[in-house]
Protein backbone atom coordinates (compact mmCIF):
# COMPACT_ATOMS: atom_id res chain seq x y z
CA MET A 1 0.17 0.19 0.03
CA ASP A 2 1.24 3.53 -0.79
CA LYS A 3 0.59 5.11 2.29
CA GLU A 4 1.94 8.64 1.15
CA ALA A 5 -0.57 8.46 -2.04
CA PHE A 6 -3.52 7.13 0.13
CA ALA A 7 -3.12 10.24 2.74
CA ILE A 8 -3.21 12.65 0.10
CA SER A 9 -6.03 11.13 -1.53
CA CYS A 10 -7.94 11.75 1.77
CA PHE A 11 -7.93 15.29 0.98
CA ASN A 12 -7.96 15.43 -2.63
CA ASN A 13 -9.01 18.76 -4.31
CA GLU A 14 -8.07 20.94 -7.22
CA PHE A 15 -5.00 22.56 -5.37
CA ILE A 16 -3.38 19.31 -4.39
CA GLY A 17 -1.14 17.26 -6.63
CA ASP A 18 2.31 19.56 -7.18
CA ASP A 19 5.43 20.65 -5.25
CA GLY A 20 3.12 23.32 -4.09
CA ALA A 21 -0.52 25.04 -4.00
CA VAL A 22 -1.39 27.53 -6.17
CA VAL A 23 -4.01 29.94 -4.75
CA GLY A 24 -4.62 33.19 -6.69
CA ASN A 25 -1.02 34.67 -7.32
CA PHE A 26 0.76 32.77 -4.23
CA VAL A 27 1.98 29.32 -4.13
CA TYR A 28 2.28 27.47 -0.69
CA ALA A 29 4.39 24.65 0.06
CA LYS A 30 4.78 22.45 3.17
CA ASP A 31 7.95 20.16 4.07
CA LEU A 32 8.94 18.35 7.04
CA PHE A 33 12.46 17.84 8.30
CA VAL A 34 12.72 15.14 11.06
CA GLU A 35 15.56 13.73 12.76
CA GLY A 36 15.54 9.99 12.45
CA THR A 37 13.71 10.47 9.17
CA HIS A 38 15.64 12.90 6.84
CA PHE A 39 18.91 13.05 9.03
CA LEU A 40 20.79 11.71 12.30
CA LYS A 41 22.06 14.60 14.47
CA HIS A 42 25.50 13.54 14.29
CA TRP A 43 25.56 13.40 10.25
CA LEU A 44 24.95 17.42 10.15
CA SER A 45 25.92 20.37 12.46
CA LEU A 46 22.52 22.01 13.57
CA GLU A 47 23.39 24.95 11.59
CA GLN A 48 23.39 22.77 8.28
CA ILE A 49 20.31 20.86 9.34
CA GLY A 50 18.48 24.42 9.63
CA TYR A 51 19.83 25.39 6.40
CA LYS A 52 18.83 22.20 4.62
CA SER A 53 15.16 22.25 5.98
CA MET A 54 14.61 25.59 4.73
CA THR A 55 16.44 25.40 1.28
CA VAL A 56 14.55 21.92 0.31
CA ASN A 57 11.24 24.06 0.88
CA ILE A 58 12.44 26.72 -1.15
CA SER A 59 12.90 24.54 -3.89
CA ASP A 60 9.30 23.59 -4.25
CA ILE A 61 8.52 27.25 -4.50
CA ILE A 62 11.07 27.72 -7.47
CA VAL A 63 9.65 24.98 -9.62
CA MET A 64 6.42 26.20 -9.35
CA ASN A 65 7.67 29.63 -10.98
CA ALA A 66 7.38 31.73 -7.83
CA LEU A 67 9.57 33.73 -5.65
CA PRO A 68 10.09 32.48 -2.21
CA LYS A 69 8.67 35.40 0.21
CA TYR A 70 7.81 34.23 3.44
CA ALA A 71 7.61 31.23 5.87
CA LEU A 72 5.96 29.89 9.05
CA LEU A 73 8.10 27.88 11.22
CA GLY A 74 7.06 24.96 13.51
CA LEU A 75 10.16 23.68 15.72
CA GLY A 76 10.05 20.64 17.69
CA ILE A 77 13.14 20.78 20.06
CA PRO A 78 14.15 18.18 22.87
CA LYS A 79 14.12 19.40 26.62
CA ASN A 80 17.91 19.30 26.79
CA THR A 81 18.47 21.50 23.87
CA SER A 82 20.73 24.53 25.03
CA SER A 83 20.02 28.02 23.95
CA ASP A 84 23.20 27.97 21.75
CA ASP A 85 21.81 24.67 19.91
CA ILE A 86 18.54 26.72 19.16
CA LYS A 87 20.44 29.46 17.87
CA SER A 88 22.99 27.19 15.56
CA ILE A 89 19.61 25.82 13.93
CA SER A 90 18.09 29.42 13.59
CA ASN A 91 21.03 30.65 12.21
CA GLY A 92 21.05 27.98 9.44
CA ILE A 93 17.69 29.14 8.47
CA ASN A 94 18.48 32.58 8.61
CA ILE A 95 21.40 32.24 6.22
CA ALA A 96 19.23 30.30 3.53
CA CYS A 97 16.39 33.25 4.33
CA LYS A 98 19.02 35.86 3.55
CA GLU A 99 20.29 33.81 0.50
CA TYR A 100 16.73 33.58 -1.12
CA GLY A 101 14.78 36.48 0.11
CA VAL A 102 12.54 34.98 2.77
CA LYS A 103 11.20 36.22 5.92
CA ILE A 104 9.86 34.19 8.97
CA ILE A 105 6.52 35.72 9.82
CA GLY A 106 5.24 33.23 12.31
CA GLY A 107 5.07 29.57 13.69
CA ASP A 108 5.26 27.63 16.97
CA THR A 109 7.46 25.63 19.00
CA ILE A 110 6.89 22.39 21.11
CA ALA A 111 9.08 20.15 23.36
CA SER A 112 9.73 16.86 21.31
CA ASP A 113 11.88 13.53 21.99
CA LYS A 114 13.83 14.54 18.29
CA ILE A 115 14.62 17.85 16.33
CA PHE A 116 11.54 18.35 14.36
CA ILE A 117 11.34 21.22 11.74
CA SER A 118 7.91 21.89 9.95
CA LEU A 119 8.25 24.64 7.19
CA THR A 120 5.49 26.17 5.41
CA LEU A 121 6.64 28.57 2.50
CA ILE A 122 4.64 31.38 0.78
CA GLY A 123 5.79 32.38 -2.62
CA GLU A 124 4.67 35.14 -5.71
CA LEU A 125 4.22 33.84 -9.02
CA LYS A 126 6.76 35.62 -11.53
CA ASN A 127 4.42 34.94 -14.35
CA LYS A 128 2.20 31.63 -14.92
CA PRO A 129 2.58 28.69 -12.45
CA ILE A 130 4.14 25.51 -13.87
CA PHE A 131 2.68 22.44 -13.26
CA ARG A 132 3.44 18.50 -13.47
CA LYS A 133 0.21 18.36 -15.42
CA ASN A 134 1.34 19.94 -18.56
CA LEU A 135 3.73 17.12 -19.80
CA GLN A 136 3.20 17.03 -23.63
CA THR A 137 3.39 14.06 -26.12
CA ASN A 138 6.99 14.35 -27.59
CA ASP A 139 8.23 16.69 -24.88
CA PHE A 140 12.09 16.38 -24.21
CA LEU A 141 12.55 15.74 -20.74
CA ALA A 142 15.75 16.93 -18.85
CA PHE A 143 17.56 17.58 -15.29
CA THR A 144 19.70 19.95 -14.04
CA GLY A 145 23.12 19.56 -12.51
CA SER A 146 24.44 16.10 -12.07
CA LEU A 147 22.70 13.19 -9.97
CA GLY A 148 23.97 10.67 -7.46
CA ASP A 149 26.07 12.71 -5.12
CA SER A 150 23.57 12.77 -2.60
CA LEU A 151 23.06 9.16 -2.41
CA LYS A 152 26.65 8.70 -2.22
CA GLY A 153 27.00 10.70 0.59
CA LEU A 154 23.99 8.92 2.54
CA ARG A 155 25.85 5.63 1.77
CA ALA A 156 29.06 6.98 3.27
CA LEU A 157 27.04 8.06 6.31
CA LEU A 158 25.36 4.81 6.82
CA ASN A 159 28.64 3.35 6.65
CA LYS A 160 29.73 5.33 9.40
CA GLY A 161 32.27 7.49 7.07
CA SER A 162 32.46 10.93 6.66
CA ILE A 163 31.38 13.46 3.53
CA SER A 164 32.15 16.86 2.58
CA LYS A 165 30.67 19.97 3.74
CA LYS A 166 30.02 20.56 -0.22
CA SER A 167 28.11 17.19 -0.51
CA ARG A 168 24.66 17.57 -1.97
CA PHE A 169 23.50 15.71 0.81
CA VAL A 170 24.70 18.17 3.25
CA LYS A 171 24.09 21.47 1.10
CA PRO A 172 21.41 21.39 -1.72
CA MET A 173 22.51 23.78 -4.67
CA LEU A 174 19.18 25.20 -5.93
CA LYS A 175 19.13 26.04 -10.10
CA ASP A 176 16.84 29.23 -9.48
CA LYS A 177 18.48 31.44 -11.90
CA PHE A 178 18.27 29.01 -14.73
CA PHE A 179 14.71 28.07 -13.97
CA TYR A 180 13.40 31.58 -13.59
CA LYS A 181 15.22 32.46 -17.14
CA ALA A 182 13.81 29.42 -18.71
CA SER A 183 10.21 29.08 -17.34
CA LYS A 184 8.56 30.77 -20.40
CA PHE A 185 9.72 27.75 -22.32
CA ILE A 186 9.29 25.15 -19.90
CA ASN A 187 5.83 23.08 -20.08
CA SER A 188 6.05 20.97 -16.83
CA SER A 189 8.59 20.88 -14.01
CA MET A 190 9.19 19.48 -10.37
CA ASP A 191 12.17 19.15 -8.10
CA ILE A 192 13.92 15.94 -7.72
CA SER A 193 13.58 14.84 -3.92
CA ASP A 194 12.58 11.13 -4.14
CA GLY A 195 14.99 10.09 -6.89
CA LEU A 196 14.69 10.83 -10.75
CA GLY A 197 12.95 7.61 -11.03
CA LEU A 198 10.14 8.29 -8.66
CA ASP A 199 9.94 11.73 -9.62
CA LEU A 200 9.63 11.01 -13.11
CA GLU A 201 6.69 8.46 -12.32
CA LYS A 202 4.98 11.41 -10.63
CA LEU A 203 5.36 13.73 -13.28
CA CYS A 204 4.15 11.10 -15.99
CA LEU A 205 1.18 10.30 -14.11
CA ALA A 206 -0.07 13.62 -13.55
CA SER A 207 0.04 14.08 -17.20
CA ARG A 208 -0.89 10.59 -18.21
CA LYS A 209 2.23 10.17 -20.20
CA GLY A 210 4.95 7.45 -20.92
CA VAL A 211 8.48 7.66 -21.25
CA LYS A 212 11.16 6.81 -24.10
CA PHE A 213 14.78 7.11 -22.69
CA ILE A 214 17.05 8.69 -25.10
CA LYS A 215 20.26 8.69 -22.77
CA LYS A 216 21.32 5.69 -20.51
CA LEU A 217 21.29 6.60 -16.91
CA ASN A 218 23.16 4.79 -14.24
CA THR A 219 21.34 3.38 -10.85
CA LEU A 220 22.89 6.22 -8.83
CA GLN A 221 21.37 8.97 -11.25
CA ILE A 222 17.75 7.11 -11.44
CA LYS A 223 17.66 6.30 -7.41
CA SER A 224 19.22 9.17 -5.51
CA GLY A 225 16.76 11.12 -3.52
CA GLU A 226 17.25 14.65 -2.04
CA GLU A 227 19.31 15.82 -4.89
CA TYR A 228 16.86 18.98 -5.43
CA GLU A 229 17.85 19.36 -9.18
CA ILE A 230 14.99 20.32 -11.38
CA LEU A 231 13.31 17.82 -13.53
CA PHE A 232 11.42 19.76 -16.35
CA SER A 233 10.10 19.23 -20.01
CA PHE A 234 10.15 21.57 -22.91
CA SER A 235 9.06 21.51 -26.69
CA ALA A 236 11.47 20.52 -29.12
CA LYS A 237 11.06 23.92 -30.73
CA ASN A 238 12.47 25.55 -27.68
CA LEU A 239 15.58 23.11 -27.44
CA LYS A 240 17.96 25.89 -28.66
CA LYS A 241 16.64 28.67 -26.28
CA ILE A 242 17.16 26.23 -23.36
CA ARG A 243 20.28 25.52 -24.35
CA GLN A 244 21.45 28.90 -24.57
CA ILE A 245 19.94 29.84 -21.24
CA SER A 246 21.70 26.80 -19.98
CA LYS A 247 24.93 28.42 -21.26
CA GLN A 248 24.23 31.93 -19.94
CA THR A 249 23.61 30.79 -16.29
CA ARG A 250 26.32 27.97 -16.59
CA THR A 251 23.90 25.48 -15.74
CA LYS A 252 24.47 21.92 -16.72
CA ILE A 253 21.24 20.10 -18.20
CA THR A 254 20.71 16.54 -19.14
CA ILE A 255 18.12 15.92 -21.54
CA PHE A 256 17.60 12.03 -21.26
CA ALA A 257 14.05 11.22 -22.80
CA LYS A 258 11.00 12.00 -24.55
CA ALA A 259 7.33 11.95 -23.04
CA THR A 260 5.23 9.75 -25.14
CA LYS A 261 1.58 8.45 -25.16
CA GLY A 262 1.03 5.43 -22.60
CA ARG A 263 2.09 5.33 -18.89
CA TYR A 264 5.68 5.26 -17.09
CA LYS A 265 6.27 2.89 -13.77
CA SER A 266 9.43 3.12 -11.89
CA ASN A 267 11.16 0.27 -9.93
CA ALA A 268 12.86 2.46 -7.54
CA ARG A 269 11.86 1.80 -3.91
CA LYS A 270 9.60 4.59 -2.38
CA HIS A 271 11.28 6.41 0.83
CA HIS A 272 8.57 7.98 2.81
CA PHE A 273 7.45 4.58 4.48
């Protein structure tokens, strides 16, 4: 049973089904970042935990073609957490907020047996919103950056190793500059949080499309979650423009497939349950 899909279906309405919900000229997105599920405390510094919790939610706003503006913060902290520890978490959140122009406008705190960060982001649309459901037959499918580093980092940590502070698992690198410039030529998009295989399945399901791969991808590229690169589609007529913007913004893109009629089903394992 897909518990995530079932839970979503219990609240099904016209706003649900994308990285964020478009209401009027605003986009709302929600993410949880929980100790023991998304990280172990000895893997990341408290500042890194705060920074990552914010950036992964900002990613959802960007891929809907909105500018992140405001956030509501829910913070669960163990009773033995010191004021310095709370300051470190908030420093990481504030660094991300300053980097992307976000203001914390409210929230709540609660005692918890684990670090628990709940964020609601509010963004303002730059132009038209970009949804998953607009994938068109014969669209090219592409992703920004390189995939696989996050899973490599996670495996190293699970094997009691260490990873660089620049690892994608520690610090997501969002491709907002490329996306905003290219948005007028993009038909559908979402961020890669559960791995390319699973997220591609979601994108195709929303548009009732299949996939024909035109580039061979390895297991790391398909299964690596928490990359926060952008999965997107565009018409063949806009290929030259997409490549130009990629060059202008120094953003690597990989065109790996074309959308077809039919259905795509990933064999990758789901992460949430």
